[in-house]
Amino acid sequence: MTLLIPQISTGVAEPLLAQLVESSLVDLDPGDELFFSKAITQPTGGIPITDETLKQLRDSILTAARNHGFPERRPTSFLRFELEVAEVLAEWEPLWKSDGVPSGEALRNDCWSFITIVVLPDVALWRWPAKSSEENAGGRSWKGRMVGGSRNTFQRIFRRIMCLDRGAGHPDRWGLIRDLQEDDFSAILERPGLSSNREIAVSLGEEYISMKLRLSQVSAGLRQDVYRQATKAIRAYGVVQPLDLMSAENRSRLIQDAFQRYEKELTAAPPSELESAASSGSDVQMKSTSSKKPARKSLLRRILEGG
């Protein structure tokens, strides 16, 4: 039986954000009050989850946050915290069907809006603070971390689980999530033609880590060039031969060959040419980017209830 997660639409969520951005983390602790009158559940059959189930999720993620300094300090890197969150989400029953496939609820953006704004607003603002002194405080970028979508605080971690899970039988199941960096996740997950199939994404992640180790002595810009060229070649091949129809062995060999071919091409050039190419690529990328345009605990309740 499907467990239904409460949802809040973007139209309901966004008016709350202006108030959240001005609140302290302590004020945003919901305590045991995880009910929101404007939340809905889909009328598709299933059982609404209980407050106890939501509290289990909050308590587990709150423990992970406290392990990394919440609420007093923020770590220099959140990768270890987000690995612990991934492990929590991987075990939270409402997100999964009995066969280990993500539930329909897990794929609804509005469910993640509820989880972020009602259940874990203090942790979300600790991870992605929106300081009033900053020009873009509460702007579009920050809102993307609060409402459901690919950049949401917790939904983006769930996407890593779906794409980079080595499998329950693997001795280091979450190793890719542990070892990849923030930019690495973006490079892999923002290419849906490759990341939409978990087996392809895992093979790509494995080779990406191996490539970084092989080219540890060259610049990050050159490693990105290798990755871009290799994935272009892999995607072009996939037009002729669907990658998800290949055997795991042949697919892994294809990905390895693509990376190693471009590694040889780039590293064969004289160092001065390599640095010039990397610098030129960075300049182009920069120009392209620039062209785009009562009690403390009750404060959250007052925001949610419009008081």
C-alpha atoms as a PDB file:
ATOM      1  CA  MET A   1       0.000   0.000   0.000  1.00  0.00           C
ATOM      2  CA  THR A   2       1.321   3.435  -0.978  1.00  0.00           C
ATOM      3  CA  LEU A   3       2.173   5.758   1.900  1.00  0.00           C
ATOM      4  CA  LEU A   4       1.021   9.254   0.985  1.00  0.00           C
ATOM      5  CA  ILE A   5       3.315  12.169   1.846  1.00  0.00           C
ATOM      6  CA  PRO A   6       1.662  15.580   2.446  1.00  0.00           C
ATOM      7  CA  GLN A   7       2.212  18.115  -0.317  1.00  0.00           C
ATOM      8  CA  ILE A   8       2.205  21.881  -0.606  1.00  0.00           C
ATOM      9  CA  SER A   9       2.071  23.542  -4.007  1.00  0.00           C
ATOM     10  CA  THR A  10       4.551  26.169  -5.106  1.00  0.00           C
ATOM     11  CA  GLY A  11       1.788  28.764  -4.893  1.00  0.00           C
ATOM     12  CA  VAL A  12       1.310  27.921  -1.219  1.00  0.00           C
ATOM     13  CA  ALA A  13       5.014  27.472  -0.463  1.00  0.00           C
ATOM     14  CA  GLU A  14       6.466  30.658  -1.916  1.00  0.00           C
ATOM     15  CA  PRO A  15       4.571  33.162   0.300  1.00  0.00           C
ATOM     16  CA  LEU A  16       5.989  31.352   3.338  1.00  0.00           C
ATOM     17  CA  LEU A  17       9.581  31.796   2.213  1.00  0.00           C
ATOM     18  CA  ALA A  18       9.751  35.557   2.785  1.00  0.00           C
ATOM     19  CA  GLN A  19       9.005  34.910   6.458  1.00  0.00           C
ATOM     20  CA  LEU A  20      11.330  31.936   6.763  1.00  0.00           C
ATOM     21  CA  VAL A  21      14.279  33.905   5.425  1.00  0.00           C
ATOM     22  CA  GLU A  22      14.037  36.396   8.306  1.00  0.00           C
ATOM     23  CA  SER A  23      13.733  33.745  11.032  1.00  0.00           C
ATOM     24  CA  SER A  24      16.411  32.226  13.240  1.00  0.00           C
ATOM     25  CA  LEU A  25      17.080  28.492  13.129  1.00  0.00           C
ATOM     26  CA  VAL A  26      15.868  28.071  16.704  1.00  0.00           C
ATOM     27  CA  ASP A  27      12.564  29.744  15.852  1.00  0.00           C
ATOM     28  CA  LEU A  28      12.042  27.335  12.966  1.00  0.00           C
ATOM     29  CA  ASP A  29      12.128  24.165  15.055  1.00  0.00           C
ATOM     30  CA  PRO A  30       8.671  22.617  14.454  1.00  0.00           C
ATOM     31  CA  GLY A  31       8.951  20.317  17.459  1.00  0.00           C
ATOM     32  CA  ASP A  32       6.161  17.749  17.264  1.00  0.00           C
ATOM     33  CA  GLU A  33       3.840  20.018  15.257  1.00  0.00           C
ATOM     34  CA  LEU A  34       4.203  18.652  11.731  1.00  0.00           C
ATOM     35  CA  PHE A  35       0.657  19.421  10.607  1.00  0.00           C
ATOM     36  CA  PHE A  36      -0.031  22.131   8.031  1.00  0.00           C
ATOM     37  CA  SER A  37      -3.640  22.949   7.226  1.00  0.00           C
ATOM     38  CA  LYS A  38      -2.933  23.811   3.568  1.00  0.00           C
ATOM     39  CA  ALA A  39      -1.107  20.558   2.854  1.00  0.00           C
ATOM     40  CA  ILE A  40      -2.908  17.970   0.746  1.00  0.00           C
ATOM     41  CA  THR A  41      -2.434  14.341  -0.244  1.00  0.00           C
ATOM     42  CA  GLN A  42      -3.118  12.980  -3.704  1.00  0.00           C
ATOM     43  CA  PRO A  43      -6.536  11.253  -3.991  1.00  0.00           C
ATOM     44  CA  THR A  44      -4.981   8.281  -5.761  1.00  0.00           C
ATOM     45  CA  GLY A  45      -5.412   5.628  -3.095  1.00  0.00           C
ATOM     46  CA  GLY A  46      -3.062   4.862  -0.262  1.00  0.00           C
ATOM     47  CA  ILE A  47      -2.610   5.680   3.402  1.00  0.00           C
ATOM     48  CA  PRO A  48      -1.509   9.143   4.598  1.00  0.00           C
ATOM     49  CA  ILE A  49       1.664   8.844   6.626  1.00  0.00           C
ATOM     50  CA  THR A  50       1.485   9.634  10.318  1.00  0.00           C
ATOM     51  CA  ASP A  51       3.161  12.450  12.204  1.00  0.00           C
ATOM     52  CA  GLU A  52       5.270   9.773  13.870  1.00  0.00           C
ATOM     53  CA  THR A  53       6.698   8.718  10.494  1.00  0.00           C
ATOM     54  CA  LEU A  54       7.483  12.336   9.626  1.00  0.00           C
ATOM     55  CA  LYS A  55       9.094  12.823  13.030  1.00  0.00           C
ATOM     56  CA  GLN A  56      11.300   9.774  12.469  1.00  0.00           C
ATOM     57  CA  LEU A  57      12.588  11.408   9.295  1.00  0.00           C
ATOM     58  CA  ARG A  58      13.152  14.727  11.053  1.00  0.00           C
ATOM     59  CA  ASP A  59      14.923  13.155  14.033  1.00  0.00           C
ATOM     60  CA  SER A  60      17.263  11.118  11.832  1.00  0.00           C
ATOM     61  CA  ILE A  61      18.277  14.073   9.648  1.00  0.00           C
ATOM     62  CA  LEU A  62      18.508  16.340  12.680  1.00  0.00           C
ATOM     63  CA  THR A  63      20.947  13.889  14.270  1.00  0.00           C
ATOM     64  CA  ALA A  64      23.072  13.976  11.111  1.00  0.00           C
ATOM     65  CA  ALA A  65      23.006  17.791  11.114  1.00  0.00           C
ATOM     66  CA  ARG A  66      24.051  17.961  14.775  1.00  0.00           C
ATOM     67  CA  ASN A  67      26.964  15.658  13.975  1.00  0.00           C
ATOM     68  CA  HIS A  68      28.218  18.426  11.699  1.00  0.00           C
ATOM     69  CA  GLY A  69      27.682  21.471  13.909  1.00  0.00           C
ATOM     70  CA  PHE A  70      23.986  22.318  13.620  1.00  0.00           C
ATOM     71  CA  PRO A  71      22.794  24.854  14.611  1.00  0.00           C
ATOM     72  CA  GLU A  72      25.782  26.812  15.947  1.00  0.00           C
ATOM     73  CA  ARG A  73      28.294  26.291  13.145  1.00  0.00           C
ATOM     74  CA  ARG A  74      28.507  25.179   9.534  1.00  0.00           C
ATOM     75  CA  PRO A  75      31.171  22.775   8.244  1.00  0.00           C
ATOM     76  CA  THR A  76      33.581  23.789   5.481  1.00  0.00           C
ATOM     77  CA  SER A  77      32.083  20.994   3.367  1.00  0.00           C
ATOM     78  CA  PHE A  78      28.608  19.478   3.555  1.00  0.00           C
ATOM     79  CA  LEU A  79      29.448  16.343   1.560  1.00  0.00           C
ATOM     80  CA  ARG A  80      29.724  14.108   4.617  1.00  0.00           C
ATOM     81  CA  PHE A  81      26.447  15.475   6.013  1.00  0.00           C
ATOM     82  CA  GLU A  82      24.696  14.892   2.703  1.00  0.00           C
ATOM     83  CA  LEU A  83      26.030  11.330   2.595  1.00  0.00           C
ATOM     84  CA  GLU A  84      24.383  10.720   5.978  1.00  0.00           C
ATOM     85  CA  VAL A  85      21.147  12.277   4.700  1.00  0.00           C
ATOM     86  CA  ALA A  86      21.292   9.966   1.676  1.00  0.00           C
ATOM     87  CA  GLU A  87      21.570   6.968   3.975  1.00  0.00           C
ATOM     88  CA  VAL A  88      18.526   8.199   5.934  1.00  0.00           C
ATOM     89  CA  LEU A  89      16.415   8.801   2.818  1.00  0.00           C
ATOM     90  CA  ALA A  90      17.396   5.404   1.429  1.00  0.00           C
ATOM     91  CA  GLU A  91      15.798   3.783   4.479  1.00  0.00           C
ATOM     92  CA  TRP A  92      12.698   6.009   4.846  1.00  0.00           C
ATOM     93  CA  GLU A  93       9.792   3.769   3.847  1.00  0.00           C
ATOM     94  CA  PRO A  94       7.400   6.320   2.234  1.00  0.00           C
ATOM     95  CA  LEU A  95       9.944   7.031  -0.514  1.00  0.00           C
ATOM     96  CA  TRP A  96      10.143   3.444  -1.742  1.00  0.00           C
ATOM     97  CA  LYS A  97       8.020   0.611  -3.062  1.00  0.00           C
ATOM     98  CA  SER A  98       8.519  -2.896  -1.713  1.00  0.00           C
ATOM     99  CA  ASP A  99      10.790  -3.814  -4.641  1.00  0.00           C
ATOM    100  CA  GLY A 100      13.156  -0.905  -3.982  1.00  0.00           C
ATOM    101  CA  VAL A 101      11.799   1.307  -6.769  1.00  0.00           C
ATOM    102  CA  PRO A 102      11.055   4.955  -5.836  1.00  0.00           C
ATOM    103  CA  SER A 103       7.409   5.510  -4.962  1.00  0.00           C
ATOM    104  CA  GLY A 104       5.251   7.928  -6.910  1.00  0.00           C
ATOM    105  CA  GLU A 105       5.263  10.217  -3.882  1.00  0.00           C
ATOM    106  CA  ALA A 106       9.057  10.445  -3.979  1.00  0.00           C
ATOM    107  CA  LEU A 107       8.867  11.883  -7.494  1.00  0.00           C
ATOM    108  CA  ARG A 108       6.414  14.674  -6.635  1.00  0.00           C
ATOM    109  CA  ASN A 109       8.069  18.066  -6.208  1.00  0.00           C
ATOM    110  CA  ASP A 110       5.304  19.226  -3.864  1.00  0.00           C
ATOM    111  CA  CYS A 111       6.113  16.433  -1.391  1.00  0.00           C
ATOM    112  CA  TRP A 112       9.681  17.725  -1.144  1.00  0.00           C
ATOM    113  CA  SER A 113       8.362  21.253  -0.593  1.00  0.00           C
ATOM    114  CA  PHE A 114       6.446  19.941   2.430  1.00  0.00           C
ATOM    115  CA  ILE A 115       9.434  18.004   3.778  1.00  0.00           C
ATOM    116  CA  THR A 116      11.704  21.038   3.433  1.00  0.00           C
ATOM    117  CA  ILE A 117       9.423  23.867   4.600  1.00  0.00           C
ATOM    118  CA  VAL A 118       7.276  22.122   7.227  1.00  0.00           C
ATOM    119  CA  VAL A 119       9.347  19.197   8.536  1.00  0.00           C
ATOM    120  CA  LEU A 120      12.962  20.415   8.204  1.00  0.00           C
ATOM    121  CA  PRO A 121      12.989  24.198   7.633  1.00  0.00           C
ATOM    122  CA  ASP A 122      15.726  24.825  10.202  1.00  0.00           C
ATOM    123  CA  VAL A 123      18.061  22.243   8.679  1.00  0.00           C
ATOM    124  CA  ALA A 124      17.348  23.548   5.158  1.00  0.00           C
ATOM    125  CA  LEU A 125      18.243  27.131   6.161  1.00  0.00           C
ATOM    126  CA  TRP A 126      21.342  25.916   7.992  1.00  0.00           C
ATOM    127  CA  ARG A 127      22.452  24.179   4.786  1.00  0.00           C
ATOM    128  CA  TRP A 128      21.439  27.045   2.494  1.00  0.00           C
ATOM    129  CA  PRO A 129      21.227  30.276   4.520  1.00  0.00           C
ATOM    130  CA  ALA A 130      19.705  33.372   2.943  1.00  0.00           C
ATOM    131  CA  LYS A 131      21.245  36.280   4.829  1.00  0.00           C
ATOM    132  CA  SER A 132      19.326  39.524   4.743  1.00  0.00           C
ATOM    133  CA  SER A 133      22.575  41.410   4.153  1.00  0.00           C
ATOM    134  CA  GLU A 134      23.057  39.665   0.804  1.00  0.00           C
ATOM    135  CA  GLU A 135      21.667  41.231  -2.342  1.00  0.00           C
ATOM    136  CA  ASN A 136      20.029  37.984  -3.471  1.00  0.00           C
ATOM    137  CA  ALA A 137      18.642  36.960  -0.079  1.00  0.00           C
ATOM    138  CA  GLY A 138      15.437  35.077  -0.701  1.00  0.00           C
ATOM    139  CA  GLY A 139      16.026  35.260  -4.457  1.00  0.00           C
ATOM    140  CA  ARG A 140      15.271  32.686  -7.108  1.00  0.00           C
ATOM    141  CA  SER A 141      18.398  30.634  -6.429  1.00  0.00           C
ATOM    142  CA  TRP A 142      17.618  30.325  -2.719  1.00  0.00           C
ATOM    143  CA  LYS A 143      13.937  29.577  -3.357  1.00  0.00           C
ATOM    144  CA  GLY A 144      15.044  26.682  -5.536  1.00  0.00           C
ATOM    145  CA  ARG A 145      16.595  25.129  -2.440  1.00  0.00           C
ATOM    146  CA  MET A 146      13.336  25.367  -0.499  1.00  0.00           C
ATOM    147  CA  VAL A 147      10.609  24.382  -2.977  1.00  0.00           C
ATOM    148  CA  GLY A 148      10.519  21.011  -4.705  1.00  0.00           C
ATOM    149  CA  GLY A 149      12.640  20.523  -7.807  1.00  0.00           C
ATOM    150  CA  SER A 150      16.050  19.347  -8.950  1.00  0.00           C
ATOM    151  CA  ARG A 151      17.857  21.886  -6.717  1.00  0.00           C
ATOM    152  CA  ASN A 152      15.802  21.332  -3.564  1.00  0.00           C
ATOM    153  CA  THR A 153      17.861  20.790  -0.399  1.00  0.00           C
ATOM    154  CA  PHE A 154      16.789  17.175   0.084  1.00  0.00           C
ATOM    155  CA  GLN A 155      15.374  16.195  -3.306  1.00  0.00           C
ATOM    156  CA  ARG A 156      18.768  16.690  -4.963  1.00  0.00           C
ATOM    157  CA  ILE A 157      20.240  14.172  -2.494  1.00  0.00           C
ATOM    158  CA  PHE A 158      17.431  11.750  -3.302  1.00  0.00           C
ATOM    159  CA  ARG A 159      18.354  12.024  -6.989  1.00  0.00           C
ATOM    160  CA  ARG A 160      21.874  10.941  -6.111  1.00  0.00           C
ATOM    161  CA  ILE A 161      20.459   7.849  -4.438  1.00  0.00           C
ATOM    162  CA  MET A 162      18.354   6.973  -7.487  1.00  0.00           C
ATOM    163  CA  CYS A 163      21.237   7.453  -9.928  1.00  0.00           C
ATOM    164  CA  LEU A 164      24.381   6.440  -8.030  1.00  0.00           C
ATOM    165  CA  ASP A 165      23.300   3.527  -5.838  1.00  0.00           C
ATOM    166  CA  ARG A 166      25.732   0.653  -6.435  1.00  0.00           C
ATOM    167  CA  GLY A 167      23.124  -1.784  -5.122  1.00  0.00           C
ATOM    168  CA  ALA A 168      22.200  -3.354  -1.809  1.00  0.00           C
ATOM    169  CA  GLY A 169      24.653  -6.216  -2.315  1.00  0.00           C
ATOM    170  CA  HIS A 170      27.669  -3.978  -2.921  1.00  0.00           C
ATOM    171  CA  PRO A 171      30.154  -3.786  -0.015  1.00  0.00           C
ATOM    172  CA  ASP A 172      30.491  -0.017  -0.526  1.00  0.00           C
ATOM    173  CA  ARG A 173      26.970   0.808  -1.639  1.00  0.00           C
ATOM    174  CA  TRP A 174      27.152   4.585  -1.245  1.00  0.00           C
ATOM    175  CA  GLY A 175      30.810   5.024  -2.208  1.00  0.00           C
ATOM    176  CA  LEU A 176      30.061   7.138  -5.257  1.00  0.00           C
ATOM    177  CA  ILE A 177      27.974   9.571  -3.220  1.00  0.00           C
ATOM    178  CA  ARG A 178      30.818   9.733  -0.686  1.00  0.00           C
ATOM    179  CA  ASP A 179      33.667  10.208  -3.174  1.00  0.00           C
ATOM    180  CA  LEU A 180      32.184  12.496  -5.815  1.00  0.00           C
ATOM    181  CA  GLN A 181      32.314  16.265  -5.274  1.00  0.00           C
ATOM    182  CA  GLU A 182      29.523  18.803  -5.706  1.00  0.00           C
ATOM    183  CA  ASP A 183      30.606  19.741  -9.250  1.00  0.00           C
ATOM    184  CA  ASP A 184      30.930  16.057 -10.118  1.00  0.00           C
ATOM    185  CA  PHE A 185      27.301  15.427  -9.170  1.00  0.00           C
ATOM    186  CA  SER A 186      26.206  18.296 -11.402  1.00  0.00           C
ATOM    187  CA  ALA A 187      28.292  17.012 -14.301  1.00  0.00           C
ATOM    188  CA  ILE A 188      26.649  13.581 -14.111  1.00  0.00           C
ATOM    189  CA  LEU A 189      23.094  14.279 -12.960  1.00  0.00           C
ATOM    190  CA  GLU A 190      22.451  17.256 -15.243  1.00  0.00           C
ATOM    191  CA  ARG A 191      22.785  15.032 -18.309  1.00  0.00           C
ATOM    192  CA  PRO A 192      19.464  13.153 -18.240  1.00  0.00           C
ATOM    193  CA  GLY A 193      20.400  11.148 -21.325  1.00  0.00           C
ATOM    194  CA  LEU A 194      23.040   9.439 -19.173  1.00  0.00           C
ATOM    195  CA  SER A 195      21.768   9.782 -15.604  1.00  0.00           C
ATOM    196  CA  SER A 196      18.208   8.578 -16.228  1.00  0.00           C
ATOM    197  CA  ASN A 197      19.471   4.980 -16.250  1.00  0.00           C
ATOM    198  CA  ARG A 198      21.073   4.030 -12.929  1.00  0.00           C
ATOM    199  CA  GLU A 199      23.421   1.448 -14.408  1.00  0.00           C
ATOM    200  CA  ILE A 200      24.771   3.964 -16.925  1.00  0.00           C
ATOM    201  CA  ALA A 201      25.109   6.674 -14.264  1.00  0.00           C
ATOM    202  CA  VAL A 202      26.968   4.307 -11.918  1.00  0.00           C
ATOM    203  CA  SER A 203      29.390   3.246 -14.681  1.00  0.00           C
ATOM    204  CA  LEU A 204      29.943   6.899 -15.545  1.00  0.00           C
ATOM    205  CA  GLY A 205      30.546   7.800 -11.891  1.00  0.00           C
ATOM    206  CA  GLU A 206      33.017   4.941 -11.446  1.00  0.00           C
ATOM    207  CA  GLU A 207      35.034   5.991 -14.477  1.00  0.00           C
ATOM    208  CA  TYR A 208      34.874   9.663 -13.519  1.00  0.00           C
ATOM    209  CA  ILE A 209      36.495   8.892 -10.164  1.00  0.00           C
ATOM    210  CA  SER A 210      39.112   6.670 -11.854  1.00  0.00           C
ATOM    211  CA  MET A 211      39.891   9.444 -14.355  1.00  0.00           C
ATOM    212  CA  LYS A 212      40.384  11.995 -11.570  1.00  0.00           C
ATOM    213  CA  LEU A 213      42.854   9.651  -9.892  1.00  0.00           C
ATOM    214  CA  ARG A 214      44.751   9.023 -13.144  1.00  0.00           C
ATOM    215  CA  LEU A 215      44.920  12.759 -13.884  1.00  0.00           C
ATOM    216  CA  SER A 216      45.450  13.945 -10.325  1.00  0.00           C
ATOM    217  CA  GLN A 217      48.484  15.974 -11.411  1.00  0.00           C
ATOM    218  CA  VAL A 218      46.678  18.060 -14.022  1.00  0.00           C
ATOM    219  CA  SER A 219      44.294  20.963 -13.532  1.00  0.00           C
ATOM    220  CA  ALA A 220      40.623  20.555 -12.734  1.00  0.00           C
ATOM    221  CA  GLY A 221      39.842  22.436 -15.955  1.00  0.00           C
ATOM    222  CA  LEU A 222      41.583  19.806 -18.055  1.00  0.00           C
ATOM    223  CA  ARG A 223      39.793  17.014 -16.229  1.00  0.00           C
ATOM    224  CA  GLN A 224      36.508  18.747 -17.004  1.00  0.00           C
ATOM    225  CA  ASP A 225      37.540  18.928 -20.666  1.00  0.00           C
ATOM    226  CA  VAL A 226      38.164  15.175 -20.676  1.00  0.00           C
ATOM    227  CA  TYR A 227      34.774  14.570 -19.081  1.00  0.00           C
ATOM    228  CA  ARG A 228      32.916  16.825 -21.519  1.00  0.00           C
ATOM    229  CA  GLN A 229      34.526  15.292 -24.591  1.00  0.00           C
ATOM    230  CA  ALA A 230      34.100  11.729 -23.326  1.00  0.00           C
ATOM    231  CA  THR A 231      30.408  12.179 -22.490  1.00  0.00           C
ATOM    232  CA  LYS A 232      29.772  13.792 -25.887  1.00  0.00           C
ATOM    233  CA  ALA A 233      31.248  10.719 -27.550  1.00  0.00           C
ATOM    234  CA  ILE A 234      29.255   8.367 -25.304  1.00  0.00           C
ATOM    235  CA  ARG A 235      25.985  10.170 -25.993  1.00  0.00           C
ATOM    236  CA  ALA A 236      26.693  10.186 -29.745  1.00  0.00           C
ATOM    237  CA  TYR A 237      27.295   6.441 -29.638  1.00  0.00           C
ATOM    238  CA  GLY A 238      24.056   6.012 -27.720  1.00  0.00           C
ATOM    239  CA  VAL A 239      22.127   7.425 -30.690  1.00  0.00           C
ATOM    240  CA  VAL A 240      23.277   4.461 -32.785  1.00  0.00           C
ATOM    241  CA  GLN A 241      23.286   1.800 -30.063  1.00  0.00           C
ATOM    242  CA  PRO A 242      21.042   2.412 -27.006  1.00  0.00           C
ATOM    243  CA  LEU A 243      23.332   2.190 -24.004  1.00  0.00           C
ATOM    244  CA  ASP A 244      20.727   0.582 -21.778  1.00  0.00           C
ATOM    245  CA  LEU A 245      20.485  -2.373 -24.186  1.00  0.00           C
ATOM    246  CA  MET A 246      24.203  -3.108 -23.997  1.00  0.00           C
ATOM    247  CA  SER A 247      25.617  -5.669 -21.606  1.00  0.00           C
ATOM    248  CA  ALA A 248      27.137  -4.203 -18.455  1.00  0.00           C
ATOM    249  CA  GLU A 249      30.603  -5.341 -19.564  1.00  0.00           C
ATOM    250  CA  ASN A 250      30.382  -3.744 -23.001  1.00  0.00           C
ATOM    251  CA  ARG A 251      28.882  -0.556 -21.626  1.00  0.00           C
ATOM    252  CA  SER A 252      31.656  -0.184 -19.045  1.00  0.00           C
ATOM    253  CA  ARG A 253      34.283  -0.815 -21.725  1.00  0.00           C
ATOM    254  CA  LEU A 254      32.715   1.813 -23.978  1.00  0.00           C
ATOM    255  CA  ILE A 255      32.780   4.403 -21.196  1.00  0.00           C
ATOM    256  CA  GLN A 256      36.367   3.533 -20.212  1.00  0.00           C
ATOM    257  CA  ASP A 257      37.566   3.720 -23.814  1.00  0.00           C
ATOM    258  CA  ALA A 258      35.926   7.120 -24.341  1.00  0.00           C
ATOM    259  CA  PHE A 259      37.560   8.611 -21.245  1.00  0.00           C
ATOM    260  CA  GLN A 260      40.987   7.146 -21.938  1.00  0.00           C
ATOM    261  CA  ARG A 261      40.974   8.223 -25.594  1.00  0.00           C
ATOM    262  CA  TYR A 262      40.448  11.872 -24.668  1.00  0.00           C
ATOM    263  CA  GLU A 263      42.869  11.635 -21.771  1.00  0.00           C
ATOM    264  CA  LYS A 264      45.598  10.638 -24.232  1.00  0.00           C
ATOM    265  CA  GLU A 265      44.692  13.402 -26.668  1.00  0.00           C
ATOM    266  CA  LEU A 266      44.783  16.129 -24.043  1.00  0.00           C
ATOM    267  CA  THR A 267      47.806  14.942 -22.091  1.00  0.00           C
ATOM    268  CA  ALA A 268      49.803  14.459 -25.313  1.00  0.00           C
ATOM    269  CA  ALA A 269      49.831  18.231 -25.922  1.00  0.00           C
ATOM    270  CA  PRO A 270      52.729  20.363 -24.559  1.00  0.00           C
ATOM    271  CA  PRO A 271      52.026  21.789 -21.059  1.00  0.00           C
ATOM    272  CA  SER A 272      51.888  25.367 -22.380  1.00  0.00           C
ATOM    273  CA  GLU A 273      49.164  24.406 -24.867  1.00  0.00           C
ATOM    274  CA  LEU A 274      47.231  22.545 -22.182  1.00  0.00           C
ATOM    275  CA  GLU A 275      47.206  25.527 -19.850  1.00  0.00           C
ATOM    276  CA  SER A 276      46.277  27.847 -22.711  1.00  0.00           C
ATOM    277  CA  ALA A 277      43.369  25.579 -23.700  1.00  0.00           C
ATOM    278  CA  ALA A 278      42.168  25.304 -20.127  1.00  0.00           C
ATOM    279  CA  SER A 279      42.400  29.075 -19.640  1.00  0.00           C
ATOM    280  CA  SER A 280      40.604  29.737 -22.904  1.00  0.00           C
ATOM    281  CA  GLY A 281      37.860  27.296 -21.999  1.00  0.00           C
ATOM    282  CA  SER A 282      37.409  28.960 -18.625  1.00  0.00           C
ATOM    283  CA  ASP A 283      37.156  32.405 -20.222  1.00  0.00           C
ATOM    284  CA  VAL A 284      34.535  31.233 -22.680  1.00  0.00           C
ATOM    285  CA  GLN A 285      32.581  29.554 -19.930  1.00  0.00           C
ATOM    286  CA  MET A 286      32.770  32.708 -17.790  1.00  0.00           C
ATOM    287  CA  LYS A 287      31.517  34.914 -20.630  1.00  0.00           C
ATOM    288  CA  SER A 288      28.708  32.493 -21.370  1.00  0.00           C
ATOM    289  CA  THR A 289      27.696  32.385 -17.742  1.00  0.00           C
ATOM    290  CA  SER A 290      27.759  36.143 -17.308  1.00  0.00           C
ATOM    291  CA  SER A 291      25.510  36.648 -20.307  1.00  0.00           C
ATOM    292  CA  LYS A 292      22.713  34.644 -18.628  1.00  0.00           C
ATOM    293  CA  LYS A 293      20.898  36.443 -16.804  1.00  0.00           C
ATOM    294  CA  PRO A 294       4.279  33.211  22.174  1.00  0.00           C
ATOM    295  CA  ALA A 295       7.250  30.655  22.194  1.00  0.00           C
ATOM    296  CA  ARG A 296      10.169  30.245  19.915  1.00  0.00           C
ATOM    297  CA  LYS A 297       8.819  26.931  18.706  1.00  0.00           C
ATOM    298  CA  SER A 298       5.497  28.532  17.759  1.00  0.00           C
ATOM    299  CA  LEU A 299       6.990  31.038  15.308  1.00  0.00           C
ATOM    300  CA  LEU A 300       7.055  28.432  12.536  1.00  0.00           C
ATOM    301  CA  ARG A 301       3.430  27.648  13.322  1.00  0.00           C
ATOM    302  CA  ARG A 302       2.499  31.337  13.005  1.00  0.00           C
ATOM    303  CA  ILE A 303       4.204  31.510   9.627  1.00  0.00           C
ATOM    304  CA  LEU A 304       2.479  28.375   8.374  1.00  0.00           C
ATOM    305  CA  GLU A 305      -0.896  29.462   9.721  1.00  0.00           C
ATOM    306  CA  GLY A 306      -0.636  33.005   8.413  1.00  0.00           C
ATOM    307  CA  GLY A 307      -0.768  34.568  11.874  1.00  0.00           C
END
